[in-house]
Protein backbone atom coordinates (compact mmCIF):
# COMPACT_ATOMS: atom_id res chain seq x y z
CA UNK A 1 -38.09 -6.84 21.45
CA UNK A 2 -41.33 -4.48 20.40
CA UNK A 3 -41.65 -2.04 22.70
CA UNK A 4 -45.35 -0.26 24.32
CA UNK A 5 -45.97 3.40 23.38
CA UNK A 6 -48.19 2.82 26.59
CA UNK A 7 -45.11 2.75 29.06
CA UNK A 8 -44.69 6.60 29.46
CA UNK A 9 -47.80 7.62 29.04
CA UNK A 10 -49.22 11.05 31.45
CA UNK A 11 -52.45 10.78 29.96
CA UNK A 12 -54.93 7.92 30.57
CA UNK A 13 -58.42 7.56 29.32
CA UNK A 14 -61.28 5.21 30.97
CA UNK A 15 -64.88 4.81 31.16
CA UNK A 16 -65.69 5.40 34.46
CA UNK A 17 -68.01 2.38 34.53
CA UNK A 18 -64.59 0.73 34.33
CA UNK A 19 -62.14 2.31 36.32
CA UNK A 20 -59.40 0.22 36.06
CA UNK A 21 -59.37 -1.00 32.91
CA UNK A 22 -57.73 1.85 30.72
CA UNK A 23 -59.29 2.78 27.10
CA UNK A 24 -56.08 4.84 26.05
CA UNK A 25 -53.78 7.62 26.73
CA UNK A 26 -51.20 9.88 25.70
CA UNK A 27 -47.85 11.29 26.34
CA UNK A 28 -48.03 14.50 26.75
CA UNK A 29 -46.21 17.27 24.84
CA UNK A 30 -46.85 21.27 25.70
CA UNK A 31 -48.80 21.56 21.95
CA UNK A 32 -51.61 19.88 23.17
CA UNK A 33 -54.39 21.75 24.05
CA UNK A 34 -58.12 20.92 25.74
CA UNK A 35 -59.28 21.75 21.74
CA UNK A 36 -56.64 19.36 20.59
CA UNK A 37 -57.32 16.73 22.87
CA UNK A 38 -61.31 16.38 22.20
CA UNK A 39 -60.24 16.28 18.46
CA UNK A 40 -57.64 13.65 18.88
CA UNK A 41 -60.42 11.97 21.23
CA UNK A 42 -63.16 11.69 18.12
CA UNK A 43 -60.82 9.51 16.40
CA UNK A 44 -60.20 7.12 18.94
CA UNK A 45 -63.59 7.02 21.16
CA UNK A 46 -66.83 5.76 19.56
CA UNK A 47 -70.44 6.43 21.86
CA UNK A 48 -73.80 6.12 20.94
CA UNK A 49 -74.24 9.89 22.85
CA UNK A 50 -72.69 12.84 23.49
CA UNK A 51 -70.13 12.48 26.35
CA UNK A 52 -68.42 14.22 28.44
CA UNK A 53 -64.60 14.19 29.19
CA UNK A 54 -63.84 15.11 33.17
CA UNK A 55 -59.91 15.23 34.29
CA UNK A 56 -60.63 13.20 37.80
CA UNK A 57 -61.14 14.89 40.94
CA UNK A 58 -62.86 18.05 38.71
CA UNK A 59 -66.33 19.00 38.21
CA UNK A 60 -66.08 20.72 35.05
CA UNK A 61 -66.32 18.90 31.28
CA UNK A 62 -63.24 19.89 29.12
CA UNK A 63 -64.05 22.68 26.36
CA UNK A 64 -61.99 23.46 23.27
CA UNK A 65 -60.22 26.00 24.16
CA UNK A 66 -56.72 26.34 23.99
CA UNK A 67 -55.86 25.96 27.30
CA UNK A 68 -52.83 23.66 27.84
CA UNK A 69 -54.19 20.29 28.77
CA UNK A 70 -53.31 18.76 31.86
CA UNK A 71 -51.81 15.45 32.27
CA UNK A 72 -53.76 12.95 34.85
CA UNK A 73 -56.68 10.53 34.44
CA UNK A 74 -59.44 11.68 32.26
CA UNK A 75 -62.87 9.92 32.50
CA UNK A 76 -65.11 10.04 29.25
CA UNK A 77 -69.16 10.10 30.54
CA UNK A 78 -72.30 9.50 28.42
CA UNK A 79 -75.11 10.95 30.53
CA UNK A 80 -77.96 9.54 27.85
CA UNK A 81 -79.62 6.32 29.50
CA UNK A 82 -78.00 2.99 27.63
CA UNK A 83 -74.93 5.73 26.88
CA UNK A 84 -72.03 3.65 25.75
CA UNK A 85 -68.03 4.57 25.38
CA UNK A 86 -65.79 1.97 23.32
CA UNK A 87 -62.66 2.01 21.45
CA UNK A 88 -62.66 2.37 17.52
CA UNK A 89 -61.60 -0.85 15.94
CA UNK A 90 -59.70 0.54 13.32
CA UNK A 91 -56.19 0.08 13.21
CA UNK A 92 -53.21 2.43 12.04
CA UNK A 93 -51.21 0.25 8.89
CA UNK A 94 -48.25 -1.91 9.67
CA UNK A 95 -45.21 0.34 8.37
CA UNK A 96 -41.67 -0.38 7.42
CA UNK A 97 -39.54 2.16 7.62
CA UNK A 98 -38.90 3.58 4.08
CA UNK A 99 -35.76 2.96 2.19
CA UNK A 100 -34.56 4.27 -1.08
CA UNK A 101 -35.78 2.19 -3.54
CA UNK A 102 -34.19 2.58 -6.80
CA UNK A 103 -36.50 3.46 -9.88
CA UNK A 104 -37.12 6.12 -12.11
CA UNK A 105 -39.89 7.18 -10.66
CA UNK A 106 -38.24 7.19 -7.23
CA UNK A 107 -35.26 9.13 -8.22
CA UNK A 108 -37.46 12.04 -10.04
CA UNK A 109 -39.83 11.74 -6.66
CA UNK A 110 -36.86 12.52 -4.70
CA UNK A 111 -35.24 15.22 -7.02
CA UNK A 112 -38.36 17.01 -7.05
CA UNK A 113 -38.93 16.87 -3.22
CA UNK A 114 -34.98 18.31 -3.13
CA UNK A 115 -36.02 20.89 -5.46
CA UNK A 116 -38.59 22.30 -3.87
CA UNK A 117 -37.83 22.28 -0.03
CA UNK A 118 -34.24 22.64 0.27
CA UNK A 119 -34.18 21.98 3.68
CA UNK A 120 -36.27 19.72 6.21
CA UNK A 121 -39.34 20.82 6.69
CA UNK A 122 -39.83 19.67 10.15
CA UNK A 123 -36.77 21.32 11.65
CA UNK A 124 -36.44 24.01 9.52
CA UNK A 125 -32.74 23.05 8.58
CA UNK A 126 -31.15 24.08 5.29
CA UNK A 127 -29.07 22.41 3.32
CA UNK A 128 -25.77 24.45 2.76
CA UNK A 129 -24.07 22.07 0.11
CA UNK A 130 -27.52 21.28 -2.03
CA UNK A 131 -25.76 23.66 -4.66
CA UNK A 132 -22.73 20.87 -5.21
CA UNK A 133 -25.77 17.87 -4.96
CA UNK A 134 -25.00 16.71 -1.27
CA UNK A 135 -27.94 15.78 0.29
CA UNK A 136 -26.00 13.54 2.84
CA UNK A 137 -28.50 13.05 5.86
CA UNK A 138 -31.14 14.60 4.23
CA UNK A 139 -34.65 12.12 2.90
CA UNK A 140 -37.49 12.47 0.36
CA UNK A 141 -40.00 11.02 2.87
CA UNK A 142 -43.13 9.55 1.74
CA UNK A 143 -45.91 10.51 3.57
CA UNK A 144 -48.26 7.42 2.37
CA UNK A 145 -45.95 4.65 2.00
CA UNK A 146 -45.29 2.78 -1.05
CA UNK A 147 -46.04 -0.24 0.44
CA UNK A 148 -49.80 0.46 0.86
CA UNK A 149 -50.56 1.33 -2.84
CA UNK A 150 -53.40 -0.99 -2.91
CA UNK A 151 -54.71 0.96 0.18
CA UNK A 152 -53.78 4.52 -1.66
CA UNK A 153 -55.97 3.28 -4.51
CA UNK A 154 -58.75 2.10 -2.56
CA UNK A 155 -59.26 5.37 -0.23
CA UNK A 156 -59.41 7.32 -3.90
CA UNK A 157 -56.19 9.46 -3.11
CA UNK A 158 -54.81 9.33 -6.74
CA UNK A 159 -57.75 12.13 -7.17
CA UNK A 160 -55.74 14.64 -5.17
CA UNK A 161 -52.50 14.60 -7.38
CA UNK A 162 -51.57 16.89 -10.13
CA UNK A 163 -47.99 16.04 -10.86
CA UNK A 164 -47.13 12.41 -11.71
CA UNK A 165 -43.66 11.23 -11.88
CA UNK A 166 -44.64 9.09 -15.42
CA UNK A 167 -47.85 8.01 -17.07
CA UNK A 168 -48.23 4.93 -15.36
CA UNK A 169 -47.91 6.50 -11.63
CA UNK A 170 -51.16 6.51 -9.53
CA UNK A 171 -49.60 9.39 -7.64
CA UNK A 172 -47.98 7.88 -4.90
CA UNK A 173 -44.78 8.67 -6.21
CA UNK A 174 -45.79 12.93 -6.70
CA UNK A 175 -43.71 14.67 -4.97
CA UNK A 176 -47.15 15.85 -3.46
CA UNK A 177 -46.90 12.98 -1.43
CA UNK A 178 -43.47 13.71 -0.19
CA UNK A 179 -41.56 15.90 2.37
CA UNK A 180 -37.47 16.30 2.61
CA UNK A 181 -36.21 15.54 6.57
CA UNK A 182 -33.39 14.78 8.36
CA UNK A 183 -33.16 11.06 8.47
CA UNK A 184 -33.55 10.68 12.37
CA UNK A 185 -36.21 12.74 11.81
CA UNK A 186 -37.56 10.67 8.68
CA UNK A 187 -37.48 7.54 11.02
CA UNK A 188 -39.74 9.08 13.66
CA UNK A 189 -42.33 10.22 11.47
CA UNK A 190 -42.63 6.81 9.63
CA UNK A 191 -43.19 5.45 13.49
CA UNK A 192 -46.11 7.80 13.82
CA UNK A 193 -43.76 9.47 16.97
CA UNK A 194 -45.25 12.42 15.17
CA UNK A 195 -48.02 13.93 12.80
CA UNK A 196 -48.88 17.60 11.53
CA UNK A 197 -52.36 18.51 11.62
CA UNK A 198 -53.37 20.43 8.37
CA UNK A 199 -56.79 21.01 9.99
CA UNK A 200 -54.31 22.97 13.02
CA UNK A 201 -52.33 25.35 10.96
CA UNK A 202 -49.64 22.26 9.72
CA UNK A 203 -48.86 22.42 13.53
CA UNK A 204 -46.64 19.38 13.97
CA UNK A 205 -47.86 17.51 17.75
CA UNK A 206 -45.42 14.86 19.16
CA UNK A 207 -46.66 11.84 20.44
CA UNK A 208 -43.23 10.89 22.62
CA UNK A 209 -40.62 12.39 24.25
CA UNK A 210 -39.48 15.14 22.12
CA UNK A 211 -35.84 14.42 21.30
CA UNK A 212 -35.46 16.73 18.16
CA UNK A 213 -38.03 19.77 19.91
CA UNK A 214 -40.31 19.45 16.75
CA UNK A 215 -43.40 19.65 18.99
CA UNK A 216 -45.83 22.87 18.07
CA UNK A 217 -43.91 23.88 15.18
CA UNK A 218 -45.16 24.40 12.26
CA UNK A 219 -44.52 22.47 8.84
CA UNK A 220 -42.69 24.88 7.38
CA UNK A 221 -44.54 27.19 4.37
CA UNK A 222 -41.99 26.40 1.04
CA UNK A 223 -43.53 22.47 0.98
CA UNK A 224 -47.05 24.05 1.12
CA UNK A 225 -47.10 27.24 -0.63
CA UNK A 226 -50.96 27.40 -2.30
CA UNK A 227 -49.51 29.24 -5.53
CA UNK A 228 -46.88 25.91 -5.83
CA UNK A 229 -48.57 23.29 -7.86
CA UNK A 230 -45.54 21.28 -6.13
CA UNK A 231 -46.89 21.52 -2.73
CA UNK A 232 -47.66 18.55 -0.76
CA UNK A 233 -51.61 17.73 -0.64
CA UNK A 234 -53.31 18.28 2.65
CA UNK A 235 -55.16 14.85 2.55
CA UNK A 236 -52.11 13.13 2.86
CA UNK A 237 -50.93 14.86 5.88
CA UNK A 238 -54.71 14.42 7.13
CA UNK A 239 -54.53 10.88 6.89
CA UNK A 240 -50.90 10.55 8.79
CA UNK A 241 -51.89 12.60 11.23
CA UNK A 242 -54.71 10.21 11.51
CA UNK A 243 -52.70 7.00 11.50
CA UNK A 244 -50.32 8.85 14.57
CA UNK A 245 -53.26 9.20 16.69
CA UNK A 246 -54.91 5.43 16.10
CA UNK A 247 -50.81 4.10 16.89
CA UNK A 248 -50.34 6.07 19.98
CA UNK A 249 -53.70 6.84 21.68
CA UNK A 250 -55.50 3.61 21.44
CA UNK A 251 -55.45 1.11 23.64
CA UNK A 252 -52.00 -0.23 24.86
CA UNK A 253 -50.81 1.90 21.29
CA UNK A 254 -49.33 -0.02 18.75
CA UNK A 255 -46.14 -1.79 19.55
CA UNK A 256 -42.24 0.34 18.59
CA UNK A 257 -40.81 -2.25 16.10
CA UNK A 258 -37.14 -2.96 15.68
CA UNK A 259 -35.71 -2.09 13.19
CA UNK A 260 -31.85 -1.77 14.22
CA UNK A 261 -31.06 -5.21 12.84
CA UNK A 262 -27.13 -6.53 13.50
CA UNK A 263 -25.50 -7.96 10.94
CA UNK A 264 -25.91 -12.19 11.34
CA UNK A 265 -29.44 -11.27 13.16
CA UNK A 266 -32.76 -13.66 11.62
CA UNK A 267 -34.34 -10.25 10.96
CA UNK A 268 -37.17 -12.84 9.43
CA UNK A 269 -37.47 -14.54 12.18
CA UNK A 270 -37.57 -11.18 14.65
CA UNK A 271 -40.22 -10.25 12.82
CA UNK A 272 -42.79 -13.71 12.72
CA UNK A 273 -42.02 -13.38 16.00
CA UNK A 274 -43.83 -10.03 16.90
CA UNK A 275 -46.86 -8.15 16.52
CA UNK A 276 -48.28 -7.77 12.89
CA UNK A 277 -46.01 -9.84 12.01
CA UNK A 278 -48.11 -10.96 8.54
CA UNK A 279 -48.11 -6.63 7.74
CA UNK A 280 -45.06 -6.04 8.73
CA UNK A 281 -43.69 -8.67 6.52
CA UNK A 282 -45.75 -7.65 3.71
CA UNK A 283 -44.56 -4.08 3.74
CA UNK A 284 -40.63 -5.03 4.44
CA UNK A 285 -40.92 -7.81 1.08
CA UNK A 286 -42.54 -4.72 -1.20
CA UNK A 287 -39.83 -2.49 -0.37
CA UNK A 288 -37.06 -4.74 -0.92
CA UNK A 289 -38.55 -6.41 -4.03
CA UNK A 290 -39.18 -3.38 -5.65
CA UNK A 291 -35.15 -2.09 -4.84
CA UNK A 292 -34.11 -5.20 -7.09
CA UNK A 293 -37.15 -4.51 -9.83
CA UNK A 294 -36.09 -3.50 -12.90
CA UNK A 295 -39.92 -1.90 -13.16
CA UNK A 296 -39.46 1.54 -13.53
């Protein structure tokens, strides 16, 4: 059964005219400052006039400082006559867990990401057996998922890619769209449990209980060296961070999908019986069909 992200929230957002109807919220980790919080609110909240954000019970509006945000209920107040607060209708994508797709492009992608990074760029854990080509527990993660290639194209993201797997690659299998991660961290990344903000010194913000102590870390410099053409593209990190904010802060938050299907279980029925069934099936089928495709 899908799990609601709102169940563990300790920050809640309200329009004071509807004090019993949360607009959204957040599970608060130490990396979230007042400034960070206000920036993330701009992704989630729509207002037809300037607004103030107050911790309920206080009279002083939040300002964009580096002070840690406090847990609690926050009221978003428009002072202008007719001021209105709403939640964006933008939704994050329904993303399947990335799996190894054995095509020539993806083998090249994996090799290039491994050669560039050599470690988990989130935790900093190096791979001491890389010299014998043993990459157990390390995975090359796509920032922008393969299953949404048409969206990648429609956002004009191929323009940011300078290294491609081959002449037919639009850039989604470029090492510039990849990061090396430990497998458990990769799963957290794909389910939007954390994001990396290139506009905040590549700080990692965790939106759930921080199992792996990555909240507040910086993305390892090895994958973002400005002198290295292979470096990750900031725009892709920015897109993923926005997706994580939408998934975790908007409304009740997107459901956390079940991916651990025991042998013999009816995976299709479980997906079709859950939220966003069509989008999830499309993403899952894309990955599976590509894994058996003979197209490089």
